[in-house]
Amino acid sequence: MRANQYATAPIGSGLAVNTSSRAEKRLGKKGFIIGYGTDIVINLSSKNQLILPELYGNLKYKKWELYVGRRKEVFGFADTTLGTGSFSWAGNALPMPKIHLGLTDYVPLKFTKNLVSIKGHYAHGWFGTSVHAFGYMLHQKTFFVKVSKPSWPIALYGGFVHHVQWGGRTFEDLGTVTNRHLPSRFSDYLYVVTGWGGMTGSFNRSGNAFDSTNRVGNHVGTLDVGLEWRLEKKLLTFYRQSVIEDGSLYYLNSIADGLHGLIIRNLFPKRSKGRISIEKVTLEFLYTMSQGGPIFGPTNFTRGNDNYFNHQQYFDGWSYRRQIIGTPFIVQKEDTKLNYNYNSLEIATSNRVRVYHAGFQGYIGEKMQFMGKLSLSHHYGNYNFPYPVPAKQLSGLFQLSGDINALGGFRWHTALAFDQGSLYQNSMGVKVGIQKSF
């Protein structure tokens, strides 16, 4: 119930009130559209909260969009409803403020006779202040290519997702940070965008050795490939997200790591009284055990110990407001019941994981909708602080929803979830809600 909910789930039992509003308006006759979005969450529980996961203004022109503010997003080619979440940006943390320019859909390239279409975005964001650093920023971009034609039963996808934490200052001199200032100049930004510097040995500034031997900033991302195959009554989707970290993937050291998925979608589900119909099934396998091996050595082919979501300068790691941004199956100490040794300057105490996951959704009768997720995960800590005994965890969720016709129409939701195993406290949760849309 908490995973991939943009950090809006209440702490403990209580009442959650969520109100959201969106509107768009066309400007004149030139194709421009202006709009806004708001989402306000009030949690009344053991910890009362007022949360704004969305607050933005946007401007659209054809398939281009510019927006400023916070917005719920997921990046990467994967199932965003029934899966475990995209590896690097899963919707697991509160959205951060950004300036975002990108395409809202694939745009065909005419010189390829519409065989090739492209989609992507470019953004700048702000992490703000965390436990160990402040004033640091986000660089983010994606680029995807689709190869297909409307008459083809198969579509091929490929692309990358690239995020970088960069700039800012740290509150203390720790690890490789000795002057509390991290590279923040425009010339540093060029190294952030390109990933050059450490790779080429061309980084030249008065700084520490880490910036010139590794990268400027904390680089996180995935290299994604996918395939859609349309059959007579079903649509099959295959995808894999390979992990981009510090160059291990380039030398194939960490090629085993990644998110693998299969979606089976029923294009014509038969919804009838007294019948259960399956609309979609998703199967995933997440593997992060390799990380290029246990050693970060002096040669390219010993480039390992990637230590996903941790960093030697940004000790808050790949998190926003101390909530891990990527997959919820890479976990932090505070959320577990384990007392094993760990590095207090690393947020991800277990980033070597193996996860088997299944998700399904469909209908009971004509209108009642159901959704379920079941995940079996094995957690091994990390290379520097491995768990003496691997932790096994079974997590599940089952949800029902339907319509109420009275008073102009409402929608009701109810859900049951559980965690059983040696990683988290054994627990069970129930959620009941009602929704009205205007």
Protein backbone atom coordinates (compact mmCIF):
# COMPACT_ATOMS: atom_id res chain seq x y z
CA MET A 1 0.00 0.00 0.00
CA ARG A 2 2.97 2.34 0.50
CA ALA A 3 5.13 1.34 -2.46
CA ASN A 4 5.11 3.62 -5.50
CA GLN A 5 2.46 5.93 -4.00
CA TYR A 6 4.60 9.08 -4.28
CA ALA A 7 5.10 9.07 -0.49
CA THR A 8 1.45 10.00 0.13
CA ALA A 9 0.30 6.94 2.11
CA PRO A 10 -0.61 7.76 5.74
CA ILE A 11 1.65 6.63 8.57
CA GLY A 12 -0.34 3.98 10.45
CA SER A 13 -4.13 3.81 10.64
CA GLY A 14 -6.18 6.90 9.95
CA LEU A 15 -8.10 8.96 7.43
CA ALA A 16 -6.71 10.17 4.10
CA VAL A 17 -8.44 12.92 2.11
CA ASN A 18 -7.24 13.51 -1.45
CA THR A 19 -8.54 16.25 -3.72
CA SER A 20 -7.18 16.97 -7.18
CA SER A 21 -8.01 19.30 -10.03
CA ARG A 22 -6.84 19.56 -13.64
CA ALA A 23 -7.85 21.89 -16.44
CA GLU A 24 -6.65 22.90 -19.90
CA LYS A 25 -7.74 25.71 -22.18
CA ARG A 26 -6.92 26.43 -25.81
CA LEU A 27 -5.32 29.81 -26.53
CA GLY A 28 -6.58 31.34 -29.74
CA LYS A 29 -6.33 29.44 -33.01
CA LYS A 30 -2.59 28.70 -33.14
CA GLY A 31 -2.72 25.37 -31.31
CA PHE A 32 -1.38 26.42 -27.91
CA ILE A 33 -3.02 24.93 -24.81
CA ILE A 34 -2.45 26.20 -21.28
CA GLY A 35 -3.30 24.22 -18.17
CA TYR A 36 -2.61 23.38 -14.55
CA GLY A 37 -2.79 20.46 -12.14
CA THR A 38 -3.11 20.24 -8.37
CA ASP A 39 -3.22 17.28 -6.00
CA ILE A 40 -3.59 17.79 -2.24
CA VAL A 41 -3.38 14.97 0.30
CA ILE A 42 -4.36 15.37 3.97
CA ASN A 43 -3.45 12.44 6.23
CA LEU A 44 -4.97 12.31 9.71
CA SER A 45 -3.21 9.55 11.59
CA SER A 46 -0.42 9.07 14.12
CA LYS A 47 1.46 11.63 12.00
CA ASN A 48 -0.76 14.35 10.51
CA GLN A 49 0.43 15.41 7.06
CA LEU A 50 -0.39 17.95 4.37
CA ILE A 51 1.22 16.83 1.09
CA LEU A 52 1.21 18.40 -2.38
CA PRO A 53 2.35 15.64 -4.77
CA GLU A 54 1.20 17.73 -7.74
CA LEU A 55 1.23 21.47 -8.30
CA TYR A 56 2.18 22.57 -11.81
CA GLY A 57 1.36 24.79 -14.75
CA ASN A 58 1.84 23.59 -18.32
CA LEU A 59 1.86 24.82 -21.89
CA LYS A 60 1.27 22.50 -24.87
CA TYR A 61 1.79 22.87 -28.58
CA LYS A 62 0.93 19.86 -30.73
CA LYS A 63 2.89 17.01 -29.05
CA TRP A 64 5.29 19.32 -27.20
CA GLU A 65 4.75 20.19 -23.57
CA LEU A 66 6.48 22.53 -21.13
CA TYR A 67 5.59 22.34 -17.46
CA VAL A 68 6.91 23.88 -14.26
CA GLY A 69 6.26 22.41 -10.80
CA ARG A 70 5.64 19.00 -9.26
CA ARG A 71 3.96 16.19 -11.21
CA LYS A 72 3.51 12.46 -10.71
CA GLU A 73 5.65 10.64 -13.27
CA VAL A 74 7.29 7.32 -14.06
CA PHE A 75 10.18 7.04 -16.53
CA GLY A 76 11.22 3.89 -18.38
CA PHE A 77 9.63 1.26 -20.61
CA ALA A 78 7.73 -0.95 -18.14
CA ASP A 79 4.27 -1.63 -16.73
CA THR A 80 3.37 1.31 -14.50
CA THR A 81 0.14 -0.16 -13.06
CA LEU A 82 0.76 -3.83 -12.27
CA GLY A 83 4.57 -3.99 -12.16
CA THR A 84 7.07 -3.39 -9.37
CA GLY A 85 7.88 0.05 -10.74
CA SER A 86 10.46 1.33 -13.19
CA PHE A 87 13.95 0.71 -11.81
CA SER A 88 15.30 4.27 -11.58
CA TRP A 89 12.11 6.37 -11.26
CA ALA A 90 9.20 4.34 -9.95
CA GLY A 91 6.91 6.92 -8.35
CA ASN A 92 8.12 5.76 -4.95
CA ALA A 93 9.09 9.24 -3.68
CA LEU A 94 7.33 12.58 -3.57
CA PRO A 95 7.71 14.35 -6.95
CA MET A 96 10.32 17.10 -6.89
CA PRO A 97 9.93 20.56 -8.49
CA LYS A 98 11.17 20.62 -12.09
CA ILE A 99 11.21 22.50 -15.36
CA HIS A 100 10.33 19.90 -17.98
CA LEU A 101 10.25 20.12 -21.77
CA GLY A 102 9.31 17.05 -23.78
CA LEU A 103 7.08 15.14 -26.15
CA THR A 104 3.79 13.76 -24.86
CA ASP A 105 3.70 10.95 -27.44
CA TYR A 106 5.81 9.36 -30.15
CA VAL A 107 6.38 11.59 -33.19
CA PRO A 108 6.93 9.83 -36.54
CA LEU A 109 9.90 10.94 -38.63
CA LYS A 110 8.69 11.68 -42.15
CA PHE A 111 12.05 10.99 -43.80
CA THR A 112 11.74 7.37 -42.60
CA LYS A 113 8.25 7.17 -44.12
CA ASN A 114 6.88 7.07 -40.57
CA LEU A 115 8.72 3.83 -39.85
CA VAL A 116 10.66 5.41 -36.97
CA SER A 117 9.09 7.52 -34.22
CA ILE A 118 10.82 9.31 -31.35
CA LYS A 119 9.85 10.48 -27.89
CA GLY A 120 11.82 12.10 -25.06
CA HIS A 121 12.23 14.95 -22.63
CA TYR A 122 14.80 17.21 -20.98
CA ALA A 123 14.42 18.56 -17.43
CA HIS A 124 16.08 20.42 -14.60
CA GLY A 125 14.97 19.91 -11.00
CA TRP A 126 15.81 20.76 -7.41
CA PHE A 127 16.43 18.34 -4.54
CA GLY A 128 16.52 21.18 -2.03
CA THR A 129 17.78 20.28 1.45
CA SER A 130 18.29 16.79 2.82
CA VAL A 131 20.14 15.30 5.79
CA HIS A 132 23.67 15.55 4.37
CA ALA A 133 23.45 18.09 1.52
CA PHE A 134 21.57 21.15 0.35
CA GLY A 135 21.14 23.21 -2.80
CA TYR A 136 21.79 20.27 -5.09
CA MET A 137 19.99 19.74 -8.37
CA LEU A 138 18.60 17.19 -10.82
CA HIS A 139 19.50 16.79 -14.46
CA GLN A 140 17.16 14.45 -16.28
CA LYS A 141 16.56 13.33 -19.85
CA THR A 142 15.03 10.44 -21.76
CA PHE A 143 15.09 9.41 -25.40
CA PHE A 144 13.14 6.54 -26.96
CA VAL A 145 12.76 5.20 -30.48
CA LYS A 146 9.84 3.18 -31.81
CA VAL A 147 10.11 1.16 -35.02
CA SER A 148 6.79 0.06 -36.49
CA LYS A 149 3.98 0.86 -38.90
CA PRO A 150 0.20 0.74 -38.24
CA SER A 151 -0.11 -2.36 -40.42
CA TRP A 152 2.65 -4.25 -38.58
CA PRO A 153 1.76 -6.65 -35.72
CA ILE A 154 5.13 -5.96 -34.06
CA ALA A 155 6.61 -2.74 -32.65
CA LEU A 156 10.20 -2.43 -31.38
CA TYR A 157 11.26 0.04 -28.70
CA GLY A 158 14.63 1.20 -27.44
CA GLY A 159 15.95 4.09 -25.43
CA PHE A 160 17.55 5.37 -22.26
CA VAL A 161 16.65 7.11 -19.00
CA HIS A 162 19.34 9.34 -17.45
CA HIS A 163 19.17 11.13 -14.09
CA VAL A 164 21.99 12.98 -12.31
CA GLN A 165 22.28 14.50 -8.85
CA TRP A 166 24.77 17.35 -9.08
CA GLY A 167 25.95 20.61 -7.55
CA GLY A 168 25.11 21.96 -4.14
CA ARG A 169 26.97 21.73 -0.86
CA THR A 170 27.31 19.25 1.96
CA PHE A 171 26.79 19.94 5.66
CA GLU A 172 29.92 18.04 6.71
CA ASP A 173 33.32 16.93 5.38
CA LEU A 174 32.82 13.20 4.88
CA GLY A 175 34.19 10.55 2.55
CA THR A 176 35.44 12.13 -0.67
CA VAL A 177 33.98 15.56 0.14
CA THR A 178 36.66 17.77 1.73
CA ASN A 179 35.56 21.34 0.98
CA ARG A 180 31.76 20.96 1.27
CA HIS A 181 31.37 22.38 -2.27
CA LEU A 182 30.42 20.07 -5.12
CA PRO A 183 30.98 21.01 -8.80
CA SER A 184 28.26 23.56 -9.66
CA ARG A 185 29.59 25.63 -12.58
CA PHE A 186 28.17 25.63 -16.11
CA SER A 187 31.25 23.77 -17.32
CA ASP A 188 30.51 21.13 -14.67
CA TYR A 189 26.95 20.94 -15.98
CA LEU A 190 28.27 19.98 -19.40
CA TYR A 191 30.07 17.01 -17.80
CA VAL A 192 26.83 16.15 -16.00
CA VAL A 193 24.81 16.15 -19.23
CA THR A 194 27.33 14.17 -21.29
CA GLY A 195 28.73 11.89 -18.58
CA TRP A 196 32.23 12.78 -19.73
CA GLY A 197 35.05 13.86 -17.46
CA GLY A 198 36.08 10.80 -15.52
CA MET A 199 35.56 8.57 -18.54
CA THR A 200 37.86 10.63 -20.77
CA GLY A 201 40.21 11.97 -18.13
CA SER A 202 39.44 15.47 -19.41
CA PHE A 203 37.92 16.83 -16.22
CA ASN A 204 40.07 19.75 -15.13
CA ARG A 205 39.23 21.85 -12.10
CA SER A 206 40.33 22.42 -8.53
CA GLY A 207 38.39 19.61 -6.88
CA ASN A 208 38.87 16.20 -5.43
CA ALA A 209 39.98 13.08 -7.26
CA PHE A 210 36.54 11.49 -7.10
CA ASP A 211 35.10 13.90 -9.67
CA SER A 212 37.85 13.19 -12.18
CA THR A 213 38.07 9.41 -11.76
CA ASN A 214 34.35 8.69 -11.48
CA ARG A 215 31.79 11.17 -12.86
CA VAL A 216 30.66 14.67 -12.00
CA GLY A 217 27.55 14.01 -9.92
CA ASN A 218 25.62 10.84 -9.13
CA HIS A 219 24.45 9.22 -12.37
CA VAL A 220 21.49 6.82 -12.28
CA GLY A 221 19.51 5.37 -15.16
CA THR A 222 18.52 2.50 -17.40
CA LEU A 223 18.97 1.33 -20.96
CA ASP A 224 15.58 -0.01 -22.07
CA VAL A 225 14.43 -2.29 -24.87
CA GLY A 226 10.93 -3.55 -25.56
CA LEU A 227 8.74 -5.39 -28.04
CA GLU A 228 4.97 -5.32 -28.58
CA TRP A 229 3.37 -8.16 -30.51
CA ARG A 230 -0.29 -7.76 -31.44
CA LEU A 231 -2.14 -11.03 -31.92
CA GLU A 232 -5.76 -11.52 -32.92
CA LYS A 233 -7.14 -11.13 -29.39
CA LYS A 234 -4.10 -10.37 -27.24
CA LEU A 235 -1.25 -7.90 -27.01
CA LEU A 236 2.07 -9.25 -25.70
CA THR A 237 4.68 -6.82 -24.41
CA PHE A 238 8.25 -7.78 -23.48
CA TYR A 239 10.69 -5.37 -21.83
CA ARG A 240 14.06 -5.20 -20.14
CA GLN A 241 15.65 -2.33 -18.25
CA SER A 242 19.42 -2.66 -17.89
CA VAL A 243 20.99 -0.65 -15.08
CA ILE A 244 23.27 2.31 -15.89
CA GLU A 245 25.59 3.24 -13.04
CA ASP A 246 29.33 3.95 -13.39
CA GLY A 247 30.26 2.24 -16.66
CA SER A 248 29.90 -1.41 -15.63
CA LEU A 249 27.20 -1.99 -18.21
CA TYR A 250 29.39 -0.60 -21.02
CA TYR A 251 31.94 -3.35 -20.32
CA LEU A 252 29.10 -5.87 -19.75
CA ASN A 253 30.26 -6.41 -16.17
CA SER A 254 26.73 -5.87 -14.83
CA ILE A 255 24.78 -7.16 -17.82
CA ALA A 256 22.93 -9.69 -15.63
CA ASP A 257 21.25 -6.92 -13.63
CA GLY A 258 17.95 -5.47 -14.70
CA LEU A 259 14.18 -5.51 -14.69
CA HIS A 260 12.58 -8.07 -17.00
CA GLY A 261 8.88 -8.06 -17.79
CA LEU A 262 6.08 -9.68 -19.78
CA ILE A 263 2.60 -8.18 -20.14
CA ILE A 264 -0.29 -10.26 -21.51
CA ARG A 265 -3.21 -8.00 -22.32
CA ASN A 266 -6.63 -9.30 -23.36
CA LEU A 267 -7.82 -6.90 -26.03
CA PHE A 268 -11.47 -7.98 -25.82
CA PRO A 269 -12.31 -9.07 -22.24
CA LYS A 270 -15.86 -10.43 -21.96
CA ARG A 271 -17.56 -8.71 -19.06
CA SER A 272 -20.83 -10.42 -18.15
CA LYS A 273 -22.86 -11.15 -15.04
CA GLY A 274 -21.49 -13.99 -12.90
CA ARG A 275 -18.26 -14.20 -14.89
CA ILE A 276 -14.64 -13.40 -13.97
CA SER A 277 -12.70 -11.93 -16.89
CA ILE A 278 -8.95 -11.26 -16.94
CA GLU A 279 -7.95 -8.00 -18.60
CA LYS A 280 -4.19 -8.01 -18.04
CA VAL A 281 -1.44 -10.10 -16.44
CA THR A 282 2.10 -8.86 -15.76
CA LEU A 283 5.08 -11.03 -14.80
CA GLU A 284 8.38 -9.46 -13.72
CA PHE A 285 11.82 -10.53 -12.55
CA LEU A 286 14.11 -7.96 -10.92
CA TYR A 287 17.76 -8.92 -10.45
CA THR A 288 20.47 -6.65 -9.00
CA MET A 289 22.88 -9.23 -7.56
CA SER A 290 25.78 -8.67 -10.00
CA GLN A 291 26.62 -4.95 -9.83
CA GLY A 292 29.74 -5.77 -11.86
CA GLY A 293 31.17 -7.93 -9.09
CA PRO A 294 32.30 -7.12 -5.53
CA ILE A 295 35.40 -5.07 -6.47
CA PHE A 296 35.82 -1.61 -7.97
CA GLY A 297 39.24 -2.21 -9.50
CA PRO A 298 41.79 -0.23 -11.55
CA THR A 299 40.79 -1.75 -14.91
CA ASN A 300 37.62 -1.45 -16.93
CA PHE A 301 36.79 -5.12 -16.52
CA THR A 302 37.06 -5.00 -12.73
CA ARG A 303 34.74 -2.01 -12.56
CA GLY A 304 32.21 -3.35 -10.06
CA ASN A 305 30.61 -2.82 -6.65
CA ASP A 306 28.16 -0.37 -8.22
CA ASN A 307 26.33 -0.10 -4.90
CA TYR A 308 23.03 0.93 -6.48
CA PHE A 309 21.34 4.10 -5.14
CA ASN A 310 24.29 4.89 -2.83
CA HIS A 311 26.99 7.50 -3.50
CA GLN A 312 30.27 8.59 -1.94
CA GLN A 313 29.45 12.31 -2.12
CA TYR A 314 25.66 12.51 -1.92
CA PHE A 315 25.19 10.41 1.21
CA ASP A 316 21.41 10.70 0.98
CA GLY A 317 21.81 8.61 -2.15
CA TRP A 318 19.20 8.26 -4.85
CA SER A 319 16.40 9.60 -2.68
CA TYR A 320 14.20 12.65 -2.32
CA ARG A 321 13.33 13.67 1.22
CA ARG A 322 14.89 10.39 2.36
CA GLN A 323 12.49 8.31 0.24
CA ILE A 324 14.19 6.13 -2.40
CA ILE A 325 13.14 7.35 -5.86
CA GLY A 326 13.62 4.06 -7.72
CA THR A 327 12.28 0.56 -7.20
CA PRO A 328 10.84 -0.02 -3.70
CA PHE A 329 12.64 -3.37 -3.52
CA ILE A 330 15.93 -1.60 -2.85
CA VAL A 331 15.38 -0.76 0.80
CA GLN A 332 16.76 1.37 3.62
CA LYS A 333 17.51 0.37 7.18
CA GLU A 334 14.70 2.39 8.79
CA ASP A 335 12.02 0.36 7.00
CA THR A 336 13.32 -3.08 8.03
CA LYS A 337 13.39 -5.02 11.28
CA LEU A 338 17.01 -6.16 10.79
CA ASN A 339 19.86 -5.22 13.12
CA TYR A 340 22.77 -6.20 10.88
CA ASN A 341 25.84 -3.95 10.51
CA TYR A 342 25.45 -1.23 7.90
CA ASN A 343 27.02 2.02 6.71
CA SER A 344 25.08 4.90 8.28
CA LEU A 345 26.15 7.15 5.37
CA GLU A 346 24.37 4.94 2.80
CA ILE A 347 20.62 5.02 2.34
CA ALA A 348 20.33 1.68 0.51
CA THR A 349 21.31 -1.01 2.99
CA SER A 350 19.96 -3.78 0.74
CA ASN A 351 20.52 -3.22 -2.97
CA ARG A 352 21.43 -6.78 -3.97
CA VAL A 353 17.99 -8.30 -4.50
CA ARG A 354 16.14 -10.94 -6.49
CA VAL A 355 12.41 -10.39 -6.96
CA TYR A 356 9.71 -12.54 -8.56
CA HIS A 357 6.51 -10.61 -9.17
CA ALA A 358 3.04 -11.16 -10.66
CA GLY A 359 0.25 -8.66 -11.17
CA PHE A 360 -3.24 -9.17 -12.58
CA GLN A 361 -6.42 -7.19 -13.13
CA GLY A 362 -9.86 -7.80 -14.55
CA TYR A 363 -13.58 -7.76 -13.82
CA ILE A 364 -16.04 -9.67 -11.66
CA GLY A 365 -19.34 -9.46 -13.47
CA GLU A 366 -19.92 -6.41 -15.65
CA LYS A 367 -18.69 -3.54 -13.46
CA MET A 368 -16.70 -4.66 -10.41
CA GLN A 369 -12.98 -4.40 -11.07
CA PHE A 370 -10.25 -6.32 -9.25
CA MET A 371 -6.48 -5.94 -9.11
CA GLY A 372 -3.82 -7.99 -7.38
CA LYS A 373 -0.04 -8.03 -6.90
CA LEU A 374 2.19 -10.68 -5.34
CA SER A 375 5.96 -10.36 -4.88
CA LEU A 376 8.52 -12.79 -3.50
CA SER A 377 11.80 -10.99 -2.80
CA HIS A 378 15.22 -12.16 -1.58
CA HIS A 379 17.46 -9.50 0.00
CA TYR A 380 21.23 -9.87 0.47
CA GLY A 381 22.32 -6.45 1.76
CA ASN A 382 25.16 -4.95 -0.30
CA TYR A 383 28.71 -6.03 -1.09
CA ASN A 384 30.27 -3.94 1.68
CA PHE A 385 27.76 -5.00 4.33
CA PRO A 386 26.17 -8.29 3.26
CA TYR A 387 23.37 -9.81 5.29
CA PRO A 388 24.70 -12.83 7.26
CA VAL A 389 21.44 -14.59 6.38
CA PRO A 390 19.48 -13.54 3.25
CA ALA A 391 16.06 -12.05 4.08
CA LYS A 392 13.06 -13.51 2.29
CA GLN A 393 9.86 -11.51 2.00
CA LEU A 394 6.38 -12.17 0.60
CA SER A 395 4.25 -9.09 -0.11
CA GLY A 396 0.76 -8.99 -1.55
CA LEU A 397 -2.12 -6.68 -2.41
CA PHE A 398 -5.69 -7.37 -3.53
CA GLN A 399 -8.07 -4.56 -4.45
CA LEU A 400 -11.72 -4.28 -5.50
CA SER A 401 -13.50 -1.25 -6.92
CA GLY A 402 -16.88 -0.46 -8.40
CA ASP A 403 -19.50 2.20 -9.09
CA ILE A 404 -22.38 3.57 -7.02
CA ASN A 405 -25.10 5.16 -9.15
CA ALA A 406 -26.72 7.23 -6.39
CA LEU A 407 -26.29 11.02 -6.14
CA GLY A 408 -24.82 11.37 -9.59
CA GLY A 409 -22.32 8.55 -9.26
CA PHE A 410 -19.49 7.57 -6.94
CA ARG A 411 -16.70 5.02 -7.11
CA TRP A 412 -15.76 2.84 -4.13
CA HIS A 413 -12.43 1.12 -3.42
CA THR A 414 -11.32 -1.47 -0.91
CA ALA A 415 -7.96 -3.19 -0.55
CA LEU A 416 -6.19 -5.77 1.59
CA ALA A 417 -2.37 -5.97 1.76
CA PHE A 418 0.21 -7.92 3.74
CA ASP A 419 3.94 -8.32 4.39
CA GLN A 420 5.22 -11.64 5.71
CA GLY A 421 8.88 -12.60 6.01
CA SER A 422 12.20 -11.78 7.61
CA LEU A 423 12.79 -8.28 6.15
CA TYR A 424 9.82 -6.22 7.35
CA GLN A 425 7.60 -6.46 10.39
CA ASN A 426 4.86 -8.96 9.64
CA SER A 427 1.81 -6.81 9.03
CA MET A 428 -1.56 -6.56 7.37
CA GLY A 429 -3.48 -3.51 6.20
CA VAL A 430 -6.98 -2.68 5.03
CA LYS A 431 -8.11 0.35 3.05
CA VAL A 432 -11.64 1.49 2.27
CA GLY A 433 -12.37 4.59 0.21
CA ILE A 434 -14.91 6.49 -1.84
CA GLN A 435 -14.28 8.78 -4.80
CA LYS A 436 -16.31 11.44 -6.60
CA SER A 437 -15.28 12.92 -9.94
CA PHE A 438 -16.63 16.07 -11.57
